[in-house]
Amino acid sequence: MTTRQTLLPPLLVCLLAAVPGAAQEIPDHADFTRLLEAVVRSPRVDYAALQNRNAELAAYLDQLAGTDPAALGSAADEVQLAFWINAYNACMLDRVATHYPIRKNAGLVGSIRNAFADRPDNSVWQIRDVFTGAFCDVAGATRSLDEIEHEIIRPTWGEPRIHFAVNCAALSCPPLAAEAYVPERLDDQLDRAVRGLVANPEHFLIDRSGTGSLTLNRVLDWYGGDFGGTEGLLGFFARYLSDEDAGFLRRPGVEVRFFEYDWTLNDLDP
C-alpha cells in the first residue's frame, strides 16, 4: 500500500478532537459482520430482510458517523482502509434499503440518461444521484459514495484489490462479502475476494481457442488504469492462477475482453 494522505484539514481535526463527546473510537465492525451474515446470500443480498433489520444497519452507520476523524487519520493503513471499504458497503446498503423496492424515480434527466444507457428499472441508477449525492455521515462529514471510493480510497492507498471489495449493488459487481473487512485480516480478505472472482466464469474466463483470450468483469475495464492497463491486469492475475493458466496468459496475442455489465439489482428476489 502507498503512504496514506491526510484526509482532513489540520484545523478541523483539532477542533473535532477538542469537543468532548463529539467523536468515538474506530469501530471493530463486528456489528456489521453480524448484519452481513444475516442478509448476504452470495452473490445476492436479501434486501427485504435488510429492511427488517434497519435498526441494526442504522446503529452501525451511527458508529461510522461518530468515528473520531483524528483517530482514524492517524491509524494504521489497514485500519483506515478496512474502515472505508466497510463505510462504502454500509452506505450503499442503506441507499438501497431506503428506496427498496426500487422503481423509476431518478427524475427526468436521470430517466433519460438511464434510457439511453439501457439501464434496467430494477437498478441503483433509478435512485437519484445514487453515487454523486452526499447522504451518508462518515467520520465527521456527510459523504457521497463517489467521494468515499474516488476521493478517499483509490487515491490514498492505490490498492487495486478494492475493486473486488466495494459493492455497487449490481448483479455484475463482484459479490458483497458476508463479513466486514477487518484490519488484522485485510490482506487475506482482499486476496479471497480476487480469488472468488477468478473462480467464477461469469467474471473471469480463459478461452484457449485460436490465439486465446481472457474475458473479464467490465469493472476491470473501467478501472484498468489502477492495475497498469492491459499488461498490468495480466500480471496482476498471474499470482492468483495455476502455473499453466498464468503461462498461457503470457503468450503473445492473447486478447483481453470484457463482459457486458448487468446493472440489475443484486436482489435475492429479483
C-alpha atoms as a PDB file:
ATOM      1  CA  MET A   1       0.000   0.000   0.000  1.00  0.00           C
ATOM      2  CA  THR A   2       1.124   3.538  -0.677  1.00  0.00           C
ATOM      3  CA  THR A   3       1.620   6.057   2.093  1.00  0.00           C
ATOM      4  CA  ARG A   4      -1.718   7.478   3.160  1.00  0.00           C
ATOM      5  CA  GLN A   5      -2.641  11.115   2.697  1.00  0.00           C
ATOM      6  CA  THR A   6      -4.156  13.465   5.269  1.00  0.00           C
ATOM      7  CA  LEU A   7      -7.908  13.314   4.762  1.00  0.00           C
ATOM      8  CA  LEU A   8      -8.958  16.294   6.900  1.00  0.00           C
ATOM      9  CA  PRO A   9      -7.564  19.811   7.314  1.00  0.00           C
ATOM     10  CA  PRO A  10      -5.430  20.009  10.498  1.00  0.00           C
ATOM     11  CA  LEU A  11      -7.593  22.781  11.974  1.00  0.00           C
ATOM     12  CA  LEU A  12     -10.751  20.691  11.549  1.00  0.00           C
ATOM     13  CA  VAL A  13      -9.079  17.684  13.147  1.00  0.00           C
ATOM     14  CA  CYS A  14      -8.039  19.792  16.143  1.00  0.00           C
ATOM     15  CA  LEU A  15     -11.494  21.297  16.558  1.00  0.00           C
ATOM     16  CA  LEU A  16     -13.202  17.918  16.423  1.00  0.00           C
ATOM     17  CA  ALA A  17     -10.741  16.409  18.856  1.00  0.00           C
ATOM     18  CA  ALA A  18     -11.305  19.258  21.294  1.00  0.00           C
ATOM     19  CA  VAL A  19     -15.095  18.808  21.544  1.00  0.00           C
ATOM     20  CA  PRO A  20     -15.981  16.404  24.399  1.00  0.00           C
ATOM     21  CA  GLY A  21     -18.219  13.567  23.205  1.00  0.00           C
ATOM     22  CA  ALA A  22     -18.090  14.774  19.609  1.00  0.00           C
ATOM     23  CA  ALA A  23     -16.468  11.637  18.269  1.00  0.00           C
ATOM     24  CA  GLN A  24     -15.909   7.994  19.131  1.00  0.00           C
ATOM     25  CA  GLU A  25     -13.188   5.448  18.613  1.00  0.00           C
ATOM     26  CA  ILE A  26     -12.914   3.446  15.405  1.00  0.00           C
ATOM     27  CA  PRO A  27     -15.485   0.612  15.407  1.00  0.00           C
ATOM     28  CA  ASP A  28     -14.351  -3.009  15.283  1.00  0.00           C
ATOM     29  CA  HIS A  29     -17.022  -3.745  12.621  1.00  0.00           C
ATOM     30  CA  ALA A  30     -18.352  -6.795  14.482  1.00  0.00           C
ATOM     31  CA  ASP A  31     -21.898  -5.418  14.283  1.00  0.00           C
ATOM     32  CA  PHE A  32     -21.568  -5.041  10.527  1.00  0.00           C
ATOM     33  CA  THR A  33     -20.374  -8.639  10.180  1.00  0.00           C
ATOM     34  CA  ARG A  34     -23.433  -9.883  12.076  1.00  0.00           C
ATOM     35  CA  LEU A  35     -25.704  -7.919   9.768  1.00  0.00           C
ATOM     36  CA  LEU A  36     -23.947  -9.092   6.605  1.00  0.00           C
ATOM     37  CA  GLU A  37     -24.091 -12.715   7.728  1.00  0.00           C
ATOM     38  CA  ALA A  38     -27.862 -12.308   8.078  1.00  0.00           C
ATOM     39  CA  VAL A  39     -28.619 -10.693   4.713  1.00  0.00           C
ATOM     40  CA  VAL A  40     -25.920 -11.720   2.207  1.00  0.00           C
ATOM     41  CA  ARG A  41     -26.680 -14.819   0.165  1.00  0.00           C
ATOM     42  CA  SER A  42     -23.695 -14.615  -2.148  1.00  0.00           C
ATOM     43  CA  PRO A  43     -23.720 -13.379  -4.832  1.00  0.00           C
ATOM     44  CA  ARG A  44     -27.024 -11.730  -3.881  1.00  0.00           C
ATOM     45  CA  VAL A  45     -28.424  -9.718  -0.988  1.00  0.00           C
ATOM     46  CA  ASP A  46     -31.768 -10.209   0.756  1.00  0.00           C
ATOM     47  CA  TYR A  47     -32.886  -6.584   0.752  1.00  0.00           C
ATOM     48  CA  ALA A  48     -36.316  -7.426   2.189  1.00  0.00           C
ATOM     49  CA  ALA A  49     -34.568  -8.950   5.208  1.00  0.00           C
ATOM     50  CA  LEU A  50     -32.264  -5.921   5.350  1.00  0.00           C
ATOM     51  CA  GLN A  51     -35.249  -3.600   5.635  1.00  0.00           C
ATOM     52  CA  ASN A  52     -36.479  -5.654   8.581  1.00  0.00           C
ATOM     53  CA  ARG A  53     -33.078  -5.183  10.237  1.00  0.00           C
ATOM     54  CA  ASN A  54     -32.929  -1.451   9.591  1.00  0.00           C
ATOM     55  CA  ALA A  55     -32.225  -0.683  13.245  1.00  0.00           C
ATOM     56  CA  GLU A  56     -29.035  -2.779  13.095  1.00  0.00           C
ATOM     57  CA  LEU A  57     -27.824  -1.029   9.960  1.00  0.00           C
ATOM     58  CA  ALA A  58     -28.687   2.372  11.447  1.00  0.00           C
ATOM     59  CA  ALA A  59     -26.742   1.529  14.619  1.00  0.00           C
ATOM     60  CA  TYR A  60     -23.646   0.607  12.618  1.00  0.00           C
ATOM     61  CA  LEU A  61     -23.971   3.731  10.482  1.00  0.00           C
ATOM     62  CA  ASP A  62     -24.089   5.723  13.729  1.00  0.00           C
ATOM     63  CA  GLN A  63     -20.755   4.147  14.665  1.00  0.00           C
ATOM     64  CA  LEU A  64     -19.278   5.268  11.339  1.00  0.00           C
ATOM     65  CA  ALA A  65     -20.746   8.760  11.698  1.00  0.00           C
ATOM     66  CA  GLY A  66     -19.372   9.138  15.204  1.00  0.00           C
ATOM     67  CA  THR A  67     -15.873   7.890  14.445  1.00  0.00           C
ATOM     68  CA  ASP A  68     -13.192  10.335  15.543  1.00  0.00           C
ATOM     69  CA  PRO A  69     -11.643  11.654  12.312  1.00  0.00           C
ATOM     70  CA  ALA A  70      -8.387  12.474  14.125  1.00  0.00           C
ATOM     71  CA  ALA A  71      -8.064   8.920  15.457  1.00  0.00           C
ATOM     72  CA  LEU A  72      -8.943   7.494  12.070  1.00  0.00           C
ATOM     73  CA  GLY A  73      -6.477   9.703  10.220  1.00  0.00           C
ATOM     74  CA  SER A  74      -3.615   8.627  12.484  1.00  0.00           C
ATOM     75  CA  ALA A  75      -4.442   4.904  12.449  1.00  0.00           C
ATOM     76  CA  ALA A  76      -2.512   2.255  10.521  1.00  0.00           C
ATOM     77  CA  ASP A  77      -3.238   1.892   6.809  1.00  0.00           C
ATOM     78  CA  GLU A  78      -5.038  -1.419   7.315  1.00  0.00           C
ATOM     79  CA  VAL A  79      -7.341   0.124   9.925  1.00  0.00           C
ATOM     80  CA  GLN A  80      -8.219   3.040   7.674  1.00  0.00           C
ATOM     81  CA  LEU A  81      -8.711   1.031   4.501  1.00  0.00           C
ATOM     82  CA  ALA A  82     -10.923  -1.573   6.210  1.00  0.00           C
ATOM     83  CA  PHE A  83     -12.961   1.273   7.695  1.00  0.00           C
ATOM     84  CA  TRP A  84     -13.558   2.988   4.355  1.00  0.00           C
ATOM     85  CA  ILE A  85     -14.390  -0.223   2.471  1.00  0.00           C
ATOM     86  CA  ASN A  86     -16.983  -1.053   5.116  1.00  0.00           C
ATOM     87  CA  ALA A  87     -18.258   2.505   5.034  1.00  0.00           C
ATOM     88  CA  TYR A  88     -18.836   2.307   1.281  1.00  0.00           C
ATOM     89  CA  ASN A  89     -20.653  -1.015   1.535  1.00  0.00           C
ATOM     90  CA  ALA A  90     -22.781   0.026   4.505  1.00  0.00           C
ATOM     91  CA  CYS A  91     -23.735   3.322   2.857  1.00  0.00           C
ATOM     92  CA  MET A  92     -24.698   1.516  -0.352  1.00  0.00           C
ATOM     93  CA  LEU A  93     -26.844  -0.956   1.588  1.00  0.00           C
ATOM     94  CA  ASP A  94     -28.545   1.970   3.290  1.00  0.00           C
ATOM     95  CA  ARG A  95     -29.079   3.701  -0.066  1.00  0.00           C
ATOM     96  CA  VAL A  96     -30.814   0.611  -1.487  1.00  0.00           C
ATOM     97  CA  ALA A  97     -32.812  -0.214   1.649  1.00  0.00           C
ATOM     98  CA  THR A  98     -34.125   3.349   1.844  1.00  0.00           C
ATOM     99  CA  HIS A  99     -35.527   3.112  -1.705  1.00  0.00           C
ATOM    100  CA  TYR A 100     -36.422  -0.576  -1.778  1.00  0.00           C
ATOM    101  CA  PRO A 101     -38.233  -1.883  -3.760  1.00  0.00           C
ATOM    102  CA  ILE A 102     -36.527   0.230  -6.396  1.00  0.00           C
ATOM    103  CA  ARG A 103     -38.705   1.821  -9.043  1.00  0.00           C
ATOM    104  CA  LYS A 104     -38.133   4.510 -11.619  1.00  0.00           C
ATOM    105  CA  ASN A 105     -37.608   7.702  -9.632  1.00  0.00           C
ATOM    106  CA  ALA A 106     -34.357   9.139 -10.977  1.00  0.00           C
ATOM    107  CA  GLY A 107     -36.044  12.332 -12.158  1.00  0.00           C
ATOM    108  CA  LEU A 108     -36.484  13.486 -15.764  1.00  0.00           C
ATOM    109  CA  VAL A 109     -32.790  13.936 -16.583  1.00  0.00           C
ATOM    110  CA  GLY A 110     -31.800  10.740 -14.808  1.00  0.00           C
ATOM    111  CA  SER A 111     -34.560   8.774 -16.528  1.00  0.00           C
ATOM    112  CA  ILE A 112     -33.404   9.983 -19.939  1.00  0.00           C
ATOM    113  CA  ARG A 113     -29.808   9.025 -19.144  1.00  0.00           C
ATOM    114  CA  ASN A 114     -30.880   5.599 -17.918  1.00  0.00           C
ATOM    115  CA  ALA A 115     -32.978   5.015 -21.013  1.00  0.00           C
ATOM    116  CA  PHE A 116     -30.083   5.873 -23.342  1.00  0.00           C
ATOM    117  CA  ALA A 117     -27.720   3.702 -21.264  1.00  0.00           C
ATOM    118  CA  ASP A 118     -30.241   0.824 -21.341  1.00  0.00           C
ATOM    119  CA  ARG A 119     -30.154   0.537 -17.567  1.00  0.00           C
ATOM    120  CA  PRO A 120     -32.836  -1.725 -16.056  1.00  0.00           C
ATOM    121  CA  ASP A 121     -35.738  -0.405 -13.994  1.00  0.00           C
ATOM    122  CA  ASN A 122     -34.555  -2.511 -11.055  1.00  0.00           C
ATOM    123  CA  SER A 123     -31.197  -0.770 -10.706  1.00  0.00           C
ATOM    124  CA  VAL A 124     -29.499   1.601  -8.292  1.00  0.00           C
ATOM    125  CA  TRP A 125     -29.337   4.067 -11.175  1.00  0.00           C
ATOM    126  CA  GLN A 126     -33.064   4.655 -10.602  1.00  0.00           C
ATOM    127  CA  ILE A 127     -32.094   6.308  -7.311  1.00  0.00           C
ATOM    128  CA  ARG A 128     -31.465   9.978  -7.964  1.00  0.00           C
ATOM    129  CA  ASP A 129     -27.785  10.947  -7.623  1.00  0.00           C
ATOM    130  CA  VAL A 130     -27.090   7.478  -6.245  1.00  0.00           C
ATOM    131  CA  PHE A 131     -23.301   7.775  -6.484  1.00  0.00           C
ATOM    132  CA  THR A 132     -22.782  11.538  -6.515  1.00  0.00           C
ATOM    133  CA  GLY A 133     -25.228  12.727  -3.857  1.00  0.00           C
ATOM    134  CA  ALA A 134     -23.889  13.285  -0.338  1.00  0.00           C
ATOM    135  CA  PHE A 135     -26.161  11.366   2.035  1.00  0.00           C
ATOM    136  CA  CYS A 136     -24.064   9.200   4.360  1.00  0.00           C
ATOM    137  CA  ASP A 137     -22.451  10.576   7.529  1.00  0.00           C
ATOM    138  CA  VAL A 138     -18.987   9.079   7.985  1.00  0.00           C
ATOM    139  CA  ALA A 139     -16.137  10.320  10.205  1.00  0.00           C
ATOM    140  CA  GLY A 140     -17.226  13.891  10.614  1.00  0.00           C
ATOM    141  CA  ALA A 141     -18.749  14.655   7.207  1.00  0.00           C
ATOM    142  CA  THR A 142     -21.734  13.834   5.024  1.00  0.00           C
ATOM    143  CA  ARG A 143     -20.304  11.955   2.062  1.00  0.00           C
ATOM    144  CA  SER A 144     -21.278  10.506  -1.297  1.00  0.00           C
ATOM    145  CA  LEU A 145     -20.332   7.042  -2.493  1.00  0.00           C
ATOM    146  CA  ASP A 146     -18.142   8.615  -5.173  1.00  0.00           C
ATOM    147  CA  GLU A 147     -16.276  10.631  -2.555  1.00  0.00           C
ATOM    148  CA  ILE A 148     -15.554   7.537  -0.469  1.00  0.00           C
ATOM    149  CA  GLU A 149     -14.337   5.497  -3.432  1.00  0.00           C
ATOM    150  CA  HIS A 150     -12.716   8.025  -5.757  1.00  0.00           C
ATOM    151  CA  GLU A 151     -11.545  10.785  -3.426  1.00  0.00           C
ATOM    152  CA  ILE A 152     -10.527   8.727  -0.397  1.00  0.00           C
ATOM    153  CA  ILE A 153      -9.933   5.026  -1.067  1.00  0.00           C
ATOM    154  CA  ARG A 154      -8.388   4.979  -4.541  1.00  0.00           C
ATOM    155  CA  PRO A 155      -6.023   7.971  -4.379  1.00  0.00           C
ATOM    156  CA  THR A 156      -4.966   7.365  -0.775  1.00  0.00           C
ATOM    157  CA  TRP A 157      -3.925   3.723  -0.925  1.00  0.00           C
ATOM    158  CA  GLY A 158      -3.564   2.826  -4.603  1.00  0.00           C
ATOM    159  CA  GLU A 159      -4.838  -0.659  -3.768  1.00  0.00           C
ATOM    160  CA  PRO A 160      -6.418  -2.238  -6.891  1.00  0.00           C
ATOM    161  CA  ARG A 161      -7.990  -5.080  -4.921  1.00  0.00           C
ATOM    162  CA  ILE A 162     -10.609  -2.687  -3.560  1.00  0.00           C
ATOM    163  CA  HIS A 163     -12.458  -3.160  -6.869  1.00  0.00           C
ATOM    164  CA  PHE A 164     -13.270  -6.687  -5.692  1.00  0.00           C
ATOM    165  CA  ALA A 165     -14.411  -5.473  -2.260  1.00  0.00           C
ATOM    166  CA  VAL A 166     -16.602  -2.361  -2.658  1.00  0.00           C
ATOM    167  CA  ASN A 167     -20.034  -3.375  -3.882  1.00  0.00           C
ATOM    168  CA  CYS A 168     -22.299  -1.263  -6.111  1.00  0.00           C
ATOM    169  CA  ALA A 169     -25.391  -3.484  -5.640  1.00  0.00           C
ATOM    170  CA  ALA A 170     -25.465  -4.782  -9.241  1.00  0.00           C
ATOM    171  CA  LEU A 171     -25.529  -8.361 -10.498  1.00  0.00           C
ATOM    172  CA  SER A 172     -22.284  -7.804 -12.398  1.00  0.00           C
ATOM    173  CA  CYS A 173     -20.486  -6.262  -9.444  1.00  0.00           C
ATOM    174  CA  PRO A 174     -18.018  -8.538  -7.643  1.00  0.00           C
ATOM    175  CA  PRO A 175     -20.126 -10.031  -4.812  1.00  0.00           C
ATOM    176  CA  LEU A 176     -20.562  -8.397  -1.441  1.00  0.00           C
ATOM    177  CA  ALA A 177     -18.697 -10.373   1.220  1.00  0.00           C
ATOM    178  CA  ALA A 178     -20.758 -11.882   4.042  1.00  0.00           C
ATOM    179  CA  GLU A 179     -18.432 -10.311   6.590  1.00  0.00           C
ATOM    180  CA  ALA A 180     -16.940  -6.923   7.310  1.00  0.00           C
ATOM    181  CA  TYR A 181     -13.358  -6.163   6.357  1.00  0.00           C
ATOM    182  CA  VAL A 182     -11.097  -6.024   9.404  1.00  0.00           C
ATOM    183  CA  PRO A 183      -7.515  -4.724   9.638  1.00  0.00           C
ATOM    184  CA  GLU A 184      -5.993  -7.869  11.109  1.00  0.00           C
ATOM    185  CA  ARG A 185      -7.163  -9.982   8.154  1.00  0.00           C
ATOM    186  CA  LEU A 186      -7.497  -7.348   5.463  1.00  0.00           C
ATOM    187  CA  ASP A 187      -4.810  -8.661   3.119  1.00  0.00           C
ATOM    188  CA  ASP A 188      -6.221 -12.194   3.202  1.00  0.00           C
ATOM    189  CA  GLN A 189      -9.781 -10.925   2.771  1.00  0.00           C
ATOM    190  CA  LEU A 190      -8.852  -8.889  -0.294  1.00  0.00           C
ATOM    191  CA  ASP A 191      -6.994 -11.846  -1.801  1.00  0.00           C
ATOM    192  CA  ARG A 192     -10.021 -14.048  -1.144  1.00  0.00           C
ATOM    193  CA  ALA A 193     -12.237 -11.555  -2.972  1.00  0.00           C
ATOM    194  CA  VAL A 194      -9.924 -11.685  -6.000  1.00  0.00           C
ATOM    195  CA  ARG A 195      -9.833 -15.497  -5.959  1.00  0.00           C
ATOM    196  CA  GLY A 196     -13.609 -15.604  -5.762  1.00  0.00           C
ATOM    197  CA  LEU A 197     -13.866 -13.587  -8.954  1.00  0.00           C
ATOM    198  CA  VAL A 198     -11.190 -15.655 -10.721  1.00  0.00           C
ATOM    199  CA  ALA A 199     -13.122 -18.837  -9.882  1.00  0.00           C
ATOM    200  CA  ASN A 200     -16.343 -17.508 -11.452  1.00  0.00           C
ATOM    201  CA  PRO A 201     -16.555 -17.876 -15.257  1.00  0.00           C
ATOM    202  CA  GLU A 202     -19.172 -15.110 -15.344  1.00  0.00           C
ATOM    203  CA  HIS A 203     -16.441 -12.684 -14.252  1.00  0.00           C
ATOM    204  CA  PHE A 204     -13.210 -14.317 -15.410  1.00  0.00           C
ATOM    205  CA  LEU A 205     -12.983 -16.663 -18.407  1.00  0.00           C
ATOM    206  CA  ILE A 206      -9.933 -18.006 -20.219  1.00  0.00           C
ATOM    207  CA  ASP A 207     -10.557 -19.217 -23.773  1.00  0.00           C
ATOM    208  CA  ARG A 208      -7.738 -21.242 -25.320  1.00  0.00           C
ATOM    209  CA  SER A 209      -9.163 -21.378 -28.820  1.00  0.00           C
ATOM    210  CA  GLY A 210      -7.223 -19.587 -31.578  1.00  0.00           C
ATOM    211  CA  THR A 211      -4.650 -17.195 -30.166  1.00  0.00           C
ATOM    212  CA  GLY A 212      -6.541 -17.228 -26.873  1.00  0.00           C
ATOM    213  CA  SER A 213      -8.436 -14.637 -24.875  1.00  0.00           C
ATOM    214  CA  LEU A 214      -9.248 -13.579 -21.339  1.00  0.00           C
ATOM    215  CA  THR A 215     -12.707 -12.107 -20.695  1.00  0.00           C
ATOM    216  CA  LEU A 216     -13.000 -10.069 -17.511  1.00  0.00           C
ATOM    217  CA  ASN A 217     -15.586  -8.236 -15.465  1.00  0.00           C
ATOM    218  CA  ARG A 218     -16.250  -4.828 -17.041  1.00  0.00           C
ATOM    219  CA  VAL A 219     -15.195  -3.119 -13.790  1.00  0.00           C
ATOM    220  CA  LEU A 220     -11.632  -4.039 -14.741  1.00  0.00           C
ATOM    221  CA  ASP A 221     -12.053  -2.140 -17.994  1.00  0.00           C
ATOM    222  CA  TRP A 222     -13.408   0.970 -16.275  1.00  0.00           C
ATOM    223  CA  TYR A 223     -10.618   0.950 -13.696  1.00  0.00           C
ATOM    224  CA  GLY A 224      -7.895  -0.738 -15.719  1.00  0.00           C
ATOM    225  CA  GLY A 225      -5.571   2.166 -15.024  1.00  0.00           C
ATOM    226  CA  ASP A 226      -5.471   1.166 -11.357  1.00  0.00           C
ATOM    227  CA  PHE A 227      -3.873  -2.101 -12.472  1.00  0.00           C
ATOM    228  CA  GLY A 228      -1.485  -0.596 -15.017  1.00  0.00           C
ATOM    229  CA  GLY A 229      -3.575  -1.215 -18.127  1.00  0.00           C
ATOM    230  CA  THR A 230      -3.979  -4.481 -20.009  1.00  0.00           C
ATOM    231  CA  GLU A 231      -0.473  -5.754 -19.308  1.00  0.00           C
ATOM    232  CA  GLY A 232      -0.873  -4.822 -15.686  1.00  0.00           C
ATOM    233  CA  LEU A 233      -4.111  -6.786 -15.445  1.00  0.00           C
ATOM    234  CA  LEU A 234      -2.455  -9.894 -16.867  1.00  0.00           C
ATOM    235  CA  GLY A 235       0.420  -9.557 -14.419  1.00  0.00           C
ATOM    236  CA  PHE A 236      -1.928  -8.881 -11.513  1.00  0.00           C
ATOM    237  CA  PHE A 237      -3.956 -12.033 -12.067  1.00  0.00           C
ATOM    238  CA  ALA A 238      -0.938 -14.273 -12.693  1.00  0.00           C
ATOM    239  CA  ARG A 239      -0.358 -14.778  -8.966  1.00  0.00           C
ATOM    240  CA  TYR A 240      -3.932 -15.999  -8.500  1.00  0.00           C
ATOM    241  CA  LEU A 241      -3.713 -18.629 -11.268  1.00  0.00           C
ATOM    242  CA  SER A 242      -2.134 -22.008 -11.782  1.00  0.00           C
ATOM    243  CA  ASP A 243       1.276 -22.004 -13.463  1.00  0.00           C
ATOM    244  CA  GLU A 244      -0.392 -23.375 -16.604  1.00  0.00           C
ATOM    245  CA  ASP A 245      -3.014 -20.611 -16.797  1.00  0.00           C
ATOM    246  CA  ALA A 246      -0.527 -17.878 -15.921  1.00  0.00           C
ATOM    247  CA  GLY A 247       1.821 -19.151 -18.611  1.00  0.00           C
ATOM    248  CA  PHE A 248      -0.977 -19.210 -21.163  1.00  0.00           C
ATOM    249  CA  LEU A 249      -1.872 -15.582 -20.477  1.00  0.00           C
ATOM    250  CA  ARG A 250       1.744 -14.571 -21.041  1.00  0.00           C
ATOM    251  CA  ARG A 251       1.657 -15.909 -24.598  1.00  0.00           C
ATOM    252  CA  PRO A 252       1.815 -13.286 -27.372  1.00  0.00           C
ATOM    253  CA  GLY A 253      -1.514 -12.436 -28.952  1.00  0.00           C
ATOM    254  CA  VAL A 254      -3.802 -13.256 -26.032  1.00  0.00           C
ATOM    255  CA  GLU A 255      -6.714 -10.814 -26.259  1.00  0.00           C
ATOM    256  CA  VAL A 256      -8.302  -9.196 -23.210  1.00  0.00           C
ATOM    257  CA  ARG A 257     -12.061  -8.727 -23.478  1.00  0.00           C
ATOM    258  CA  PHE A 258     -14.772  -7.615 -21.074  1.00  0.00           C
ATOM    259  CA  PHE A 259     -18.239  -8.937 -20.299  1.00  0.00           C
ATOM    260  CA  GLU A 260     -21.275  -6.741 -20.743  1.00  0.00           C
ATOM    261  CA  TYR A 261     -22.237  -5.210 -17.401  1.00  0.00           C
ATOM    262  CA  ASP A 262     -25.632  -6.022 -15.875  1.00  0.00           C
ATOM    263  CA  TRP A 263     -26.798  -3.240 -13.545  1.00  0.00           C
ATOM    264  CA  THR A 264     -29.836  -5.214 -12.348  1.00  0.00           C
ATOM    265  CA  LEU A 265     -30.078  -5.026  -8.557  1.00  0.00           C
ATOM    266  CA  ASN A 266     -28.331  -7.951  -6.871  1.00  0.00           C
ATOM    267  CA  ASP A 267     -31.535  -8.771  -5.015  1.00  0.00           C
ATOM    268  CA  LEU A 268     -32.258 -12.227  -3.630  1.00  0.00           C
ATOM    269  CA  ASP A 269     -35.766 -11.884  -5.094  1.00  0.00           C
ATOM    270  CA  PRO A 270     -35.238 -10.193  -8.489  1.00  0.00           C
END
